[in-house]
C-alpha atoms as a PDB file:
ATOM      1  CA  UNK A   1      32.546  -7.755 -11.779  1.00  0.00           C
ATOM      2  CA  UNK A   2      28.786  -7.771 -11.157  1.00  0.00           C
ATOM      3  CA  UNK A   3      27.120 -11.135 -10.978  1.00  0.00           C
ATOM      4  CA  UNK A   4      23.536 -11.778 -11.898  1.00  0.00           C
ATOM      5  CA  UNK A   5      21.343 -12.063  -8.927  1.00  0.00           C
ATOM      6  CA  UNK A   6      24.023 -10.188  -6.852  1.00  0.00           C
ATOM      7  CA  UNK A   7      23.666  -6.348  -7.672  1.00  0.00           C
ATOM      8  CA  UNK A   8      21.099  -3.646  -7.946  1.00  0.00           C
ATOM      9  CA  UNK A   9      20.833  -2.368 -11.673  1.00  0.00           C
ATOM     10  CA  UNK A  10      20.947   1.400 -11.686  1.00  0.00           C
ATOM     11  CA  UNK A  11      17.617   1.543 -12.437  1.00  0.00           C
ATOM     12  CA  UNK A  12      16.382   0.195  -9.284  1.00  0.00           C
ATOM     13  CA  UNK A  13      17.165   3.068  -7.313  1.00  0.00           C
ATOM     14  CA  UNK A  14      15.511   6.244  -6.095  1.00  0.00           C
ATOM     15  CA  UNK A  15      15.897   9.036  -3.672  1.00  0.00           C
ATOM     16  CA  UNK A  16      14.245   9.031  -0.353  1.00  0.00           C
ATOM     17  CA  UNK A  17      12.738  12.483  -0.834  1.00  0.00           C
ATOM     18  CA  UNK A  18      10.553  10.903  -3.379  1.00  0.00           C
ATOM     19  CA  UNK A  19       8.239   9.649  -0.891  1.00  0.00           C
ATOM     20  CA  UNK A  20       7.698  13.403   0.424  1.00  0.00           C
ATOM     21  CA  UNK A  21       6.558  14.313  -3.103  1.00  0.00           C
ATOM     22  CA  UNK A  22       4.294  11.337  -3.955  1.00  0.00           C
ATOM     23  CA  UNK A  23       0.512  11.593  -3.839  1.00  0.00           C
ATOM     24  CA  UNK A  24      -0.918   9.628  -0.993  1.00  0.00           C
ATOM     25  CA  UNK A  25      -3.350   6.727  -0.635  1.00  0.00           C
ATOM     26  CA  UNK A  26      -5.993   7.701   2.004  1.00  0.00           C
ATOM     27  CA  UNK A  27      -7.122   4.799   3.788  1.00  0.00           C
ATOM     28  CA  UNK A  28      -8.528   3.891   7.407  1.00  0.00           C
ATOM     29  CA  UNK A  29      -7.424   0.350   6.879  1.00  0.00           C
ATOM     30  CA  UNK A  30      -4.441  -0.372   4.532  1.00  0.00           C
ATOM     31  CA  UNK A  31      -3.095  -3.790   3.727  1.00  0.00           C
ATOM     32  CA  UNK A  32       0.347  -3.994   2.176  1.00  0.00           C
ATOM     33  CA  UNK A  33       0.781  -7.356   0.863  1.00  0.00           C
ATOM     34  CA  UNK A  34       4.427  -8.020  -0.355  1.00  0.00           C
ATOM     35  CA  UNK A  35       6.060 -11.462  -1.719  1.00  0.00           C
ATOM     36  CA  UNK A  36       2.728 -13.174  -2.996  1.00  0.00           C
ATOM     37  CA  UNK A  37       5.060 -15.053  -5.201  1.00  0.00           C
ATOM     38  CA  UNK A  38       2.165 -16.646  -7.432  1.00  0.00           C
ATOM     39  CA  UNK A  39       0.259 -17.922  -4.590  1.00  0.00           C
ATOM     40  CA  UNK A  40      -3.373 -17.787  -5.682  1.00  0.00           C
ATOM     41  CA  UNK A  41      -4.634 -19.536  -2.406  1.00  0.00           C
ATOM     42  CA  UNK A  42      -3.139 -16.899  -0.361  1.00  0.00           C
ATOM     43  CA  UNK A  43      -4.428 -14.214  -2.749  1.00  0.00           C
ATOM     44  CA  UNK A  44      -7.939 -15.885  -2.160  1.00  0.00           C
ATOM     45  CA  UNK A  45      -7.238 -15.532   1.708  1.00  0.00           C
ATOM     46  CA  UNK A  46      -6.237 -11.979   1.559  1.00  0.00           C
ATOM     47  CA  UNK A  47      -9.332 -11.194  -0.332  1.00  0.00           C
ATOM     48  CA  UNK A  48     -11.502 -12.848   2.186  1.00  0.00           C
ATOM     49  CA  UNK A  49      -9.628 -11.166   5.117  1.00  0.00           C
ATOM     50  CA  UNK A  50     -10.363  -7.632   3.470  1.00  0.00           C
ATOM     51  CA  UNK A  51     -13.945  -8.466   3.220  1.00  0.00           C
ATOM     52  CA  UNK A  52     -14.276  -9.612   6.925  1.00  0.00           C
ATOM     53  CA  UNK A  53     -13.036  -5.999   7.852  1.00  0.00           C
ATOM     54  CA  UNK A  54     -15.646  -3.569   9.367  1.00  0.00           C
ATOM     55  CA  UNK A  55     -14.914  -1.053   6.905  1.00  0.00           C
ATOM     56  CA  UNK A  56     -13.415  -0.686   3.295  1.00  0.00           C
ATOM     57  CA  UNK A  57      -9.874  -1.791   2.767  1.00  0.00           C
ATOM     58  CA  UNK A  58      -7.064  -0.383   0.495  1.00  0.00           C
ATOM     59  CA  UNK A  59      -4.827  -3.129  -0.558  1.00  0.00           C
ATOM     60  CA  UNK A  60      -1.314  -2.518  -1.926  1.00  0.00           C
ATOM     61  CA  UNK A  61       0.471  -5.367  -3.518  1.00  0.00           C
ATOM     62  CA  UNK A  62       4.175  -4.060  -3.017  1.00  0.00           C
ATOM     63  CA  UNK A  63       5.984  -6.193  -5.501  1.00  0.00           C
ATOM     64  CA  UNK A  64       7.163  -9.934  -5.961  1.00  0.00           C
ATOM     65  CA  UNK A  65       3.258 -10.771  -6.760  1.00  0.00           C
ATOM     66  CA  UNK A  66       4.841 -13.292  -9.568  1.00  0.00           C
ATOM     67  CA  UNK A  67       7.293 -15.996  -8.922  1.00  0.00           C
ATOM     68  CA  UNK A  68       5.710 -19.726  -8.960  1.00  0.00           C
ATOM     69  CA  UNK A  69       3.056 -18.860 -11.379  1.00  0.00           C
ATOM     70  CA  UNK A  70       4.784 -20.533 -14.190  1.00  0.00           C
ATOM     71  CA  UNK A  71       1.954 -21.794 -16.156  1.00  0.00           C
ATOM     72  CA  UNK A  72       0.236 -19.407 -18.630  1.00  0.00           C
ATOM     73  CA  UNK A  73      -3.342 -19.680 -17.112  1.00  0.00           C
ATOM     74  CA  UNK A  74      -1.939 -18.794 -13.574  1.00  0.00           C
ATOM     75  CA  UNK A  75       0.442 -15.930 -14.652  1.00  0.00           C
ATOM     76  CA  UNK A  76      -2.228 -14.230 -16.360  1.00  0.00           C
ATOM     77  CA  UNK A  77      -4.995 -14.813 -13.562  1.00  0.00           C
ATOM     78  CA  UNK A  78      -2.510 -13.495 -10.791  1.00  0.00           C
ATOM     79  CA  UNK A  79      -1.565 -10.435 -12.419  1.00  0.00           C
ATOM     80  CA  UNK A  80      -5.203  -9.597 -13.595  1.00  0.00           C
ATOM     81  CA  UNK A  81      -6.356  -9.991  -9.920  1.00  0.00           C
ATOM     82  CA  UNK A  82      -3.385  -8.038  -8.255  1.00  0.00           C
ATOM     83  CA  UNK A  83      -3.531  -5.266 -10.892  1.00  0.00           C
ATOM     84  CA  UNK A  84      -7.182  -4.488  -9.848  1.00  0.00           C
ATOM     85  CA  UNK A  85      -5.495  -3.062  -6.840  1.00  0.00           C
ATOM     86  CA  UNK A  86      -2.659  -0.585  -6.327  1.00  0.00           C
ATOM     87  CA  UNK A  87       0.496  -2.327  -7.044  1.00  0.00           C
ATOM     88  CA  UNK A  88       4.277  -2.038  -7.064  1.00  0.00           C
ATOM     89  CA  UNK A  89       6.782  -3.486  -9.091  1.00  0.00           C
ATOM     90  CA  UNK A  90       9.430  -5.577  -7.203  1.00  0.00           C
ATOM     91  CA  UNK A  91      12.349  -7.148  -8.711  1.00  0.00           C
ATOM     92  CA  UNK A  92      10.565  -9.892 -10.222  1.00  0.00           C
ATOM     93  CA  UNK A  93       8.052  -8.092 -12.271  1.00  0.00           C
ATOM     94  CA  UNK A  94      10.989  -5.526 -13.283  1.00  0.00           C
ATOM     95  CA  UNK A  95      12.912  -8.183 -14.710  1.00  0.00           C
ATOM     96  CA  UNK A  96       9.905  -9.994 -16.240  1.00  0.00           C
ATOM     97  CA  UNK A  97       9.037  -6.749 -18.089  1.00  0.00           C
ATOM     98  CA  UNK A  98      12.270  -6.263 -19.672  1.00  0.00           C
ATOM     99  CA  UNK A  99      14.787  -8.542 -21.544  1.00  0.00           C
ATOM    100  CA  UNK A 100      17.702 -10.334 -20.128  1.00  0.00           C
ATOM    101  CA  UNK A 101      20.170  -7.277 -18.656  1.00  0.00           C
ATOM    102  CA  UNK A 102      22.448  -9.585 -16.776  1.00  0.00           C
ATOM    103  CA  UNK A 103      20.695  -8.975 -13.398  1.00  0.00           C
ATOM    104  CA  UNK A 104      19.451 -12.396 -13.110  1.00  0.00           C
ATOM    105  CA  UNK A 105      16.312 -12.403 -10.834  1.00  0.00           C
ATOM    106  CA  UNK A 106      17.145  -9.040  -9.441  1.00  0.00           C
ATOM    107  CA  UNK A 107      17.434  -9.964  -6.051  1.00  0.00           C
ATOM    108  CA  UNK A 108      20.461  -8.328  -5.071  1.00  0.00           C
ATOM    109  CA  UNK A 109      21.267 -11.420  -2.750  1.00  0.00           C
ATOM    110  CA  UNK A 110      23.969 -10.726   0.028  1.00  0.00           C
ATOM    111  CA  UNK A 111      26.931 -13.074   0.396  1.00  0.00           C
ATOM    112  CA  UNK A 112      25.004 -15.132   3.216  1.00  0.00           C
ATOM    113  CA  UNK A 113      22.993 -16.286   0.301  1.00  0.00           C
ATOM    114  CA  UNK A 114      24.753 -19.336  -1.461  1.00  0.00           C
ATOM    115  CA  UNK A 115      25.839 -19.063  -5.036  1.00  0.00           C
ATOM    116  CA  UNK A 116      23.640 -22.177  -5.652  1.00  0.00           C
ATOM    117  CA  UNK A 117      20.510 -20.483  -4.182  1.00  0.00           C
ATOM    118  CA  UNK A 118      21.044 -17.493  -6.381  1.00  0.00           C
ATOM    119  CA  UNK A 119      21.587 -19.476  -9.393  1.00  0.00           C
ATOM    120  CA  UNK A 120      18.426 -21.487  -8.826  1.00  0.00           C
ATOM    121  CA  UNK A 121      16.503 -17.973  -8.378  1.00  0.00           C
ATOM    122  CA  UNK A 122      18.100 -16.713 -11.682  1.00  0.00           C
ATOM    123  CA  UNK A 123      16.790 -19.778 -13.426  1.00  0.00           C
ATOM    124  CA  UNK A 124      13.266 -19.498 -12.067  1.00  0.00           C
ATOM    125  CA  UNK A 125      13.111 -16.035 -13.384  1.00  0.00           C
ATOM    126  CA  UNK A 126      14.343 -17.047 -16.863  1.00  0.00           C
ATOM    127  CA  UNK A 127      11.609 -19.538 -16.854  1.00  0.00           C
ATOM    128  CA  UNK A 128       8.907 -17.094 -15.600  1.00  0.00           C
ATOM    129  CA  UNK A 129      10.100 -14.552 -18.281  1.00  0.00           C
ATOM    130  CA  UNK A 130       9.683 -17.264 -20.947  1.00  0.00           C
ATOM    131  CA  UNK A 131       5.873 -17.593 -19.783  1.00  0.00           C
ATOM    132  CA  UNK A 132       5.780 -13.905 -19.573  1.00  0.00           C
ATOM    133  CA  UNK A 133       6.680 -13.166 -23.115  1.00  0.00           C
ATOM    134  CA  UNK A 134       3.421 -14.484 -24.375  1.00  0.00           C
ATOM    135  CA  UNK A 135       1.881 -11.574 -22.606  1.00  0.00           C
ATOM    136  CA  UNK A 136       3.068  -8.536 -24.018  1.00  0.00           C
ATOM    137  CA  UNK A 137       0.378  -6.088 -22.694  1.00  0.00           C
ATOM    138  CA  UNK A 138       0.948  -7.338 -19.026  1.00  0.00           C
ATOM    139  CA  UNK A 139       4.509  -7.066 -19.489  1.00  0.00           C
ATOM    140  CA  UNK A 140       3.806  -3.457 -20.504  1.00  0.00           C
ATOM    141  CA  UNK A 141       1.752  -2.891 -17.492  1.00  0.00           C
ATOM    142  CA  UNK A 142       4.232  -4.183 -15.074  1.00  0.00           C
ATOM    143  CA  UNK A 143       6.677  -2.084 -16.747  1.00  0.00           C
ATOM    144  CA  UNK A 144       4.896   1.049 -15.931  1.00  0.00           C
ATOM    145  CA  UNK A 145       4.317   0.145 -12.241  1.00  0.00           C
ATOM    146  CA  UNK A 146       5.712   2.615  -9.605  1.00  0.00           C
ATOM    147  CA  UNK A 147       8.740   1.537  -7.449  1.00  0.00           C
ATOM    148  CA  UNK A 148       7.269   3.200  -4.513  1.00  0.00           C
ATOM    149  CA  UNK A 149       3.942   4.881  -2.895  1.00  0.00           C
ATOM    150  CA  UNK A 150       2.690   7.200   0.009  1.00  0.00           C
ATOM    151  CA  UNK A 151      -0.068   6.380   2.183  1.00  0.00           C
ATOM    152  CA  UNK A 152      -1.756   7.976   5.177  1.00  0.00           C
ATOM    153  CA  UNK A 153      -3.693   6.012   7.744  1.00  0.00           C
ATOM    154  CA  UNK A 154      -5.029   8.284  10.864  1.00  0.00           C
ATOM    155  CA  UNK A 155      -2.316  10.569  11.661  1.00  0.00           C
ATOM    156  CA  UNK A 156       0.346   8.226  10.333  1.00  0.00           C
ATOM    157  CA  UNK A 157       2.249   8.825   6.833  1.00  0.00           C
ATOM    158  CA  UNK A 158       3.300   5.665   5.196  1.00  0.00           C
ATOM    159  CA  UNK A 159       6.107   4.982   2.763  1.00  0.00           C
ATOM    160  CA  UNK A 160       5.448   1.714   0.812  1.00  0.00           C
ATOM    161  CA  UNK A 161       8.427   0.181  -0.863  1.00  0.00           C
ATOM    162  CA  UNK A 162       9.455  -3.399  -2.200  1.00  0.00           C
ATOM    163  CA  UNK A 163      13.040  -3.212  -0.812  1.00  0.00           C
ATOM    164  CA  UNK A 164      14.197  -0.321   1.239  1.00  0.00           C
ATOM    165  CA  UNK A 165      14.002   3.533   1.166  1.00  0.00           C
ATOM    166  CA  UNK A 166      16.652   3.722  -1.749  1.00  0.00           C
ATOM    167  CA  UNK A 167      16.404   0.695  -3.941  1.00  0.00           C
ATOM    168  CA  UNK A 168      14.033  -1.495  -5.202  1.00  0.00           C
ATOM    169  CA  UNK A 169      16.056  -4.447  -4.292  1.00  0.00           C
ATOM    170  CA  UNK A 170      17.630  -3.002  -1.162  1.00  0.00           C
ATOM    171  CA  UNK A 171      18.154  -5.194   2.082  1.00  0.00           C
ATOM    172  CA  UNK A 172      18.692  -2.329   4.692  1.00  0.00           C
ATOM    173  CA  UNK A 173      14.976  -3.139   5.973  1.00  0.00           C
ATOM    174  CA  UNK A 174      15.904  -6.913   6.565  1.00  0.00           C
ATOM    175  CA  UNK A 175      15.892  -7.986  10.310  1.00  0.00           C
ATOM    176  CA  UNK A 176      19.945  -8.272  10.398  1.00  0.00           C
ATOM    177  CA  UNK A 177      20.152  -4.828   9.057  1.00  0.00           C
ATOM    178  CA  UNK A 178      17.506  -3.335  11.158  1.00  0.00           C
ATOM    179  CA  UNK A 179      19.492  -4.620  14.288  1.00  0.00           C
ATOM    180  CA  UNK A 180      22.577  -3.362  13.301  1.00  0.00           C
ATOM    181  CA  UNK A 181      24.016  -0.178  15.111  1.00  0.00           C
ATOM    182  CA  UNK A 182      25.927   1.085  11.979  1.00  0.00           C
ATOM    183  CA  UNK A 183      22.731   1.292  10.314  1.00  0.00           C
ATOM    184  CA  UNK A 184      21.099   3.618  12.383  1.00  0.00           C
ATOM    185  CA  UNK A 185      22.713   6.892  10.695  1.00  0.00           C
ATOM    186  CA  UNK A 186      21.354   5.829   7.451  1.00  0.00           C
ATOM    187  CA  UNK A 187      17.722   5.267   8.921  1.00  0.00           C
ATOM    188  CA  UNK A 188      18.022   8.694  10.590  1.00  0.00           C
ATOM    189  CA  UNK A 189      18.807  10.337   7.201  1.00  0.00           C
ATOM    190  CA  UNK A 190      16.189   8.477   5.111  1.00  0.00           C
ATOM    191  CA  UNK A 191      13.661   9.271   7.782  1.00  0.00           C
ATOM    192  CA  UNK A 192      14.335  12.911   7.624  1.00  0.00           C
ATOM    193  CA  UNK A 193      14.228  12.826   3.787  1.00  0.00           C
ATOM    194  CA  UNK A 194      11.373  10.919   3.355  1.00  0.00           C
ATOM    195  CA  UNK A 195       9.288  12.723   5.724  1.00  0.00           C
ATOM    196  CA  UNK A 196       7.458   9.433   6.754  1.00  0.00           C
ATOM    197  CA  UNK A 197       6.435   7.835  10.231  1.00  0.00           C
ATOM    198  CA  UNK A 198       6.694   4.389   8.881  1.00  0.00           C
ATOM    199  CA  UNK A 199       8.096   2.390   6.260  1.00  0.00           C
ATOM    200  CA  UNK A 200       6.171  -0.783   4.976  1.00  0.00           C
ATOM    201  CA  UNK A 201       8.492  -3.315   2.814  1.00  0.00           C
ATOM    202  CA  UNK A 202       8.996  -6.633   1.818  1.00  0.00           C
ATOM    203  CA  UNK A 203      11.590  -8.294  -0.529  1.00  0.00           C
ATOM    204  CA  UNK A 204      13.904  -9.988   2.038  1.00  0.00           C
ATOM    205  CA  UNK A 205      11.441 -12.841   2.494  1.00  0.00           C
ATOM    206  CA  UNK A 206      11.692 -12.945   6.283  1.00  0.00           C
ATOM    207  CA  UNK A 207       9.655 -10.490   8.375  1.00  0.00           C
ATOM    208  CA  UNK A 208      10.573  -7.864  11.142  1.00  0.00           C
ATOM    209  CA  UNK A 209       8.823  -5.225  13.038  1.00  0.00           C
ATOM    210  CA  UNK A 210      11.261  -2.393  14.677  1.00  0.00           C
ATOM    211  CA  UNK A 211      10.649   0.892  16.224  1.00  0.00           C
ATOM    212  CA  UNK A 212      13.559   3.381  16.417  1.00  0.00           C
ATOM    213  CA  UNK A 213      13.768   6.529  18.250  1.00  0.00           C
ATOM    214  CA  UNK A 214      15.720   8.915  15.798  1.00  0.00           C
ATOM    215  CA  UNK A 215      16.645  12.454  15.833  1.00  0.00           C
ATOM    216  CA  UNK A 216      13.600  13.586  14.166  1.00  0.00           C
ATOM    217  CA  UNK A 217      11.372  11.293  16.187  1.00  0.00           C
ATOM    218  CA  UNK A 218      10.223   7.821  16.218  1.00  0.00           C
ATOM    219  CA  UNK A 219      10.121   5.451  12.927  1.00  0.00           C
ATOM    220  CA  UNK A 220       8.624   2.216  12.674  1.00  0.00           C
ATOM    221  CA  UNK A 221       9.877  -0.072   9.978  1.00  0.00           C
ATOM    222  CA  UNK A 222       7.537  -3.138   9.160  1.00  0.00           C
ATOM    223  CA  UNK A 223       8.798  -5.832   6.799  1.00  0.00           C
ATOM    224  CA  UNK A 224       5.853  -8.358   6.126  1.00  0.00           C
ATOM    225  CA  UNK A 225       8.497 -10.982   4.826  1.00  0.00           C
ATOM    226  CA  UNK A 226       5.951 -13.240   2.647  1.00  0.00           C
ATOM    227  CA  UNK A 227       2.371 -13.262   1.819  1.00  0.00           C
ATOM    228  CA  UNK A 228       2.699 -16.469  -0.068  1.00  0.00           C
ATOM    229  CA  UNK A 229       5.125 -18.476   2.030  1.00  0.00           C
ATOM    230  CA  UNK A 230       5.238 -19.493   5.937  1.00  0.00           C
ATOM    231  CA  UNK A 231       7.664 -16.960   7.413  1.00  0.00           C
ATOM    232  CA  UNK A 232       8.293 -19.169  10.572  1.00  0.00           C
ATOM    233  CA  UNK A 233       9.436 -22.365  11.648  1.00  0.00           C
ATOM    234  CA  UNK A 234       6.530 -25.008  11.796  1.00  0.00           C
ATOM    235  CA  UNK A 235       4.056 -22.758  10.218  1.00  0.00           C
ATOM    236  CA  UNK A 236       2.019 -22.768   7.155  1.00  0.00           C
ATOM    237  CA  UNK A 237       0.439 -19.208   6.876  1.00  0.00           C
ATOM    238  CA  UNK A 238       1.904 -15.927   5.056  1.00  0.00           C
ATOM    239  CA  UNK A 239       2.034 -12.609   6.689  1.00  0.00           C
ATOM    240  CA  UNK A 240       0.664  -9.344   5.541  1.00  0.00           C
ATOM    241  CA  UNK A 241       0.905  -5.760   7.129  1.00  0.00           C
ATOM    242  CA  UNK A 242      -2.210  -4.253   8.162  1.00  0.00           C
ATOM    243  CA  UNK A 243      -2.176  -0.515   9.177  1.00  0.00           C
ATOM    244  CA  UNK A 244      -5.662   0.764  10.616  1.00  0.00           C
ATOM    245  CA  UNK A 245      -7.350   3.428  12.578  1.00  0.00           C
ATOM    246  CA  UNK A 246      -9.300   0.145  14.357  1.00  0.00           C
ATOM    247  CA  UNK A 247      -8.309  -2.865  15.536  1.00  0.00           C
ATOM    248  CA  UNK A 248      -7.900  -6.321  13.447  1.00  0.00           C
ATOM    249  CA  UNK A 249     -11.053  -8.544  13.496  1.00  0.00           C
ATOM    250  CA  UNK A 250      -8.513 -11.583  14.000  1.00  0.00           C
ATOM    251  CA  UNK A 251      -5.438 -11.693  16.494  1.00  0.00           C
ATOM    252  CA  UNK A 252      -2.386 -10.154  14.877  1.00  0.00           C
ATOM    253  CA  UNK A 253       0.859 -12.382  15.188  1.00  0.00           C
ATOM    254  CA  UNK A 254       2.556  -9.289  16.518  1.00  0.00           C
ATOM    255  CA  UNK A 255       2.167  -5.369  16.237  1.00  0.00           C
ATOM    256  CA  UNK A 256       2.453  -1.901  17.891  1.00  0.00           C
ATOM    257  CA  UNK A 257       0.368   1.075  18.135  1.00  0.00           C
ATOM    258  CA  UNK A 258       1.626   4.425  16.938  1.00  0.00           C
ATOM    259  CA  UNK A 259      -0.313   7.490  17.415  1.00  0.00           C
ATOM    260  CA  UNK A 260      -3.716   5.756  17.920  1.00  0.00           C
ATOM    261  CA  UNK A 261      -3.055   3.557  14.768  1.00  0.00           C
ATOM    262  CA  UNK A 262      -2.832  -0.181  14.645  1.00  0.00           C
ATOM    263  CA  UNK A 263       0.486  -1.701  12.873  1.00  0.00           C
ATOM    264  CA  UNK A 264      -0.035  -5.369  12.773  1.00  0.00           C
ATOM    265  CA  UNK A 265       1.457  -8.420  11.204  1.00  0.00           C
ATOM    266  CA  UNK A 266      -1.680 -10.501  10.064  1.00  0.00           C
ATOM    267  CA  UNK A 267      -1.443 -14.389   9.418  1.00  0.00           C
ATOM    268  CA  UNK A 268      -2.828 -15.332   5.965  1.00  0.00           C
ATOM    269  CA  UNK A 269      -4.185 -18.818   6.476  1.00  0.00           C
ATOM    270  CA  UNK A 270      -4.469 -19.971   2.940  1.00  0.00           C
ATOM    271  CA  UNK A 271      -5.441 -23.621   1.808  1.00  0.00           C
ATOM    272  CA  UNK A 272      -1.961 -25.232   2.450  1.00  0.00           C
ATOM    273  CA  UNK A 273      -2.803 -28.584   0.953  1.00  0.00           C
ATOM    274  CA  UNK A 274      -4.252 -27.200  -2.252  1.00  0.00           C
ATOM    275  CA  UNK A 275      -1.019 -24.971  -2.504  1.00  0.00           C
ATOM    276  CA  UNK A 276       1.263 -27.878  -1.969  1.00  0.00           C
ATOM    277  CA  UNK A 277      -0.450 -29.888  -4.650  1.00  0.00           C
ATOM    278  CA  UNK A 278      -0.390 -26.923  -7.163  1.00  0.00           C
ATOM    279  CA  UNK A 279       3.354 -26.270  -6.389  1.00  0.00           C
ATOM    280  CA  UNK A 280       4.229 -29.847  -6.838  1.00  0.00           C
ATOM    281  CA  UNK A 281       2.391 -29.991 -10.331  1.00  0.00           C
ATOM    282  CA  UNK A 282       4.544 -26.914 -11.763  1.00  0.00           C
ATOM    283  CA  UNK A 283       7.565 -27.275  -9.737  1.00  0.00           C
ATOM    284  CA  UNK A 284       8.332 -31.101  -9.009  1.00  0.00           C
ATOM    285  CA  UNK A 285      11.435 -32.637  -7.518  1.00  0.00           C
ATOM    286  CA  UNK A 286      14.861 -31.678  -9.274  1.00  0.00           C
ATOM    287  CA  UNK A 287      13.273 -28.100 -10.452  1.00  0.00           C
ATOM    288  CA  UNK A 288      14.927 -25.138  -9.289  1.00  0.00           C
ATOM    289  CA  UNK A 289      11.783 -23.800  -7.374  1.00  0.00           C
ATOM    290  CA  UNK A 290      11.520 -27.189  -5.490  1.00  0.00           C
ATOM    291  CA  UNK A 291      15.200 -27.089  -4.603  1.00  0.00           C
ATOM    292  CA  UNK A 292      15.180 -23.665  -2.900  1.00  0.00           C
ATOM    293  CA  UNK A 293      11.493 -23.549  -1.381  1.00  0.00           C
ATOM    294  CA  UNK A 294       9.628 -26.823  -1.038  1.00  0.00           C
ATOM    295  CA  UNK A 295      11.186 -27.335   2.474  1.00  0.00           C
ATOM    296  CA  UNK A 296      10.184 -23.982   3.528  1.00  0.00           C
ATOM    297  CA  UNK A 297       6.649 -24.322   2.157  1.00  0.00           C
ATOM    298  CA  UNK A 298       6.326 -27.697   3.888  1.00  0.00           C
ATOM    299  CA  UNK A 299       8.085 -26.651   7.234  1.00  0.00           C
ATOM    300  CA  UNK A 300       8.409 -22.781   7.390  1.00  0.00           C
ATOM    301  CA  UNK A 301      12.019 -21.220   7.474  1.00  0.00           C
ATOM    302  CA  UNK A 302      14.682 -21.554  10.168  1.00  0.00           C
ATOM    303  CA  UNK A 303      13.317 -18.243  11.742  1.00  0.00           C
ATOM    304  CA  UNK A 304      11.132 -17.629  14.708  1.00  0.00           C
ATOM    305  CA  UNK A 305       8.344 -15.231  15.418  1.00  0.00           C
ATOM    306  CA  UNK A 306      10.464 -13.900  18.403  1.00  0.00           C
ATOM    307  CA  UNK A 307      13.044 -12.414  16.100  1.00  0.00           C
ATOM    308  CA  UNK A 308      10.606 -10.625  14.186  1.00  0.00           C
ATOM    309  CA  UNK A 309       8.629  -9.131  16.993  1.00  0.00           C
ATOM    310  CA  UNK A 310       9.095  -5.322  17.840  1.00  0.00           C
ATOM    311  CA  UNK A 311      11.736  -3.717  20.000  1.00  0.00           C
ATOM    312  CA  UNK A 312      12.608  -0.002  20.356  1.00  0.00           C
ATOM    313  CA  UNK A 313      16.104   0.614  19.471  1.00  0.00           C
ATOM    314  CA  UNK A 314      17.469   4.140  20.270  1.00  0.00           C
ATOM    315  CA  UNK A 315      19.914   6.108  17.826  1.00  0.00           C
END
């Protein structure tokens, strides 16, 4: 029996070969911003970071830019600003765009996530969908967003997803999966089928950067975790993925070089105090979002940057 929030609906899937046929975004500097989660202050910071770059920046919001923006004005504002850029739909946008299909939040949570946590996420999605119903045109725009994109920066070909190389809500680009030896044959297969040098993802809400030596050469996988939430214990900044022919104007949290291209996780130093105030106004103590996220927003998750840092793994 499928349980809401625990499975991927059939419509979430795609073939890795779809990346090979997708039109490319050509950029000197590319920001991949996943998991904004309705944090308008993080969006402000991302736009300020792009403005501080030496040249033009292409920004791709790769899903779940909605989540905490429960108020109608916030829902409208976040979506209007994001949709000026290239955007992919995550599970949140996909479920907001349609009626309840029994998928809950569409997160496809693994069993390591508690039933209580899953139930709260399903409730947040239900509440946010109630807000979205007053914006039929926006819902139609969200429904029309693609699930994947391809880009080229320098000589690097990039597959951009919300989840993984086969599913919008897949977890095979989570840190635990990337480090599992039995995941290597799958990585080898999707690398060959997609024809990319790098996958940029989000969805799992915790970051990772790994480089793999596979049968057809090197593959980089970078997961930015969350742009709108802290990603490491004791921190108060989000992360975005920056891929560029030139170095970043700020110090990356970590990164690798591939063929002369910089692949970095950049900190998003949003206004934490104002974000906490806005969050508590919309999601007070006892609300599902407060119970699931307030501690992470305040203190960061129980996850260290040393876990996310790169390592070369040979197949």
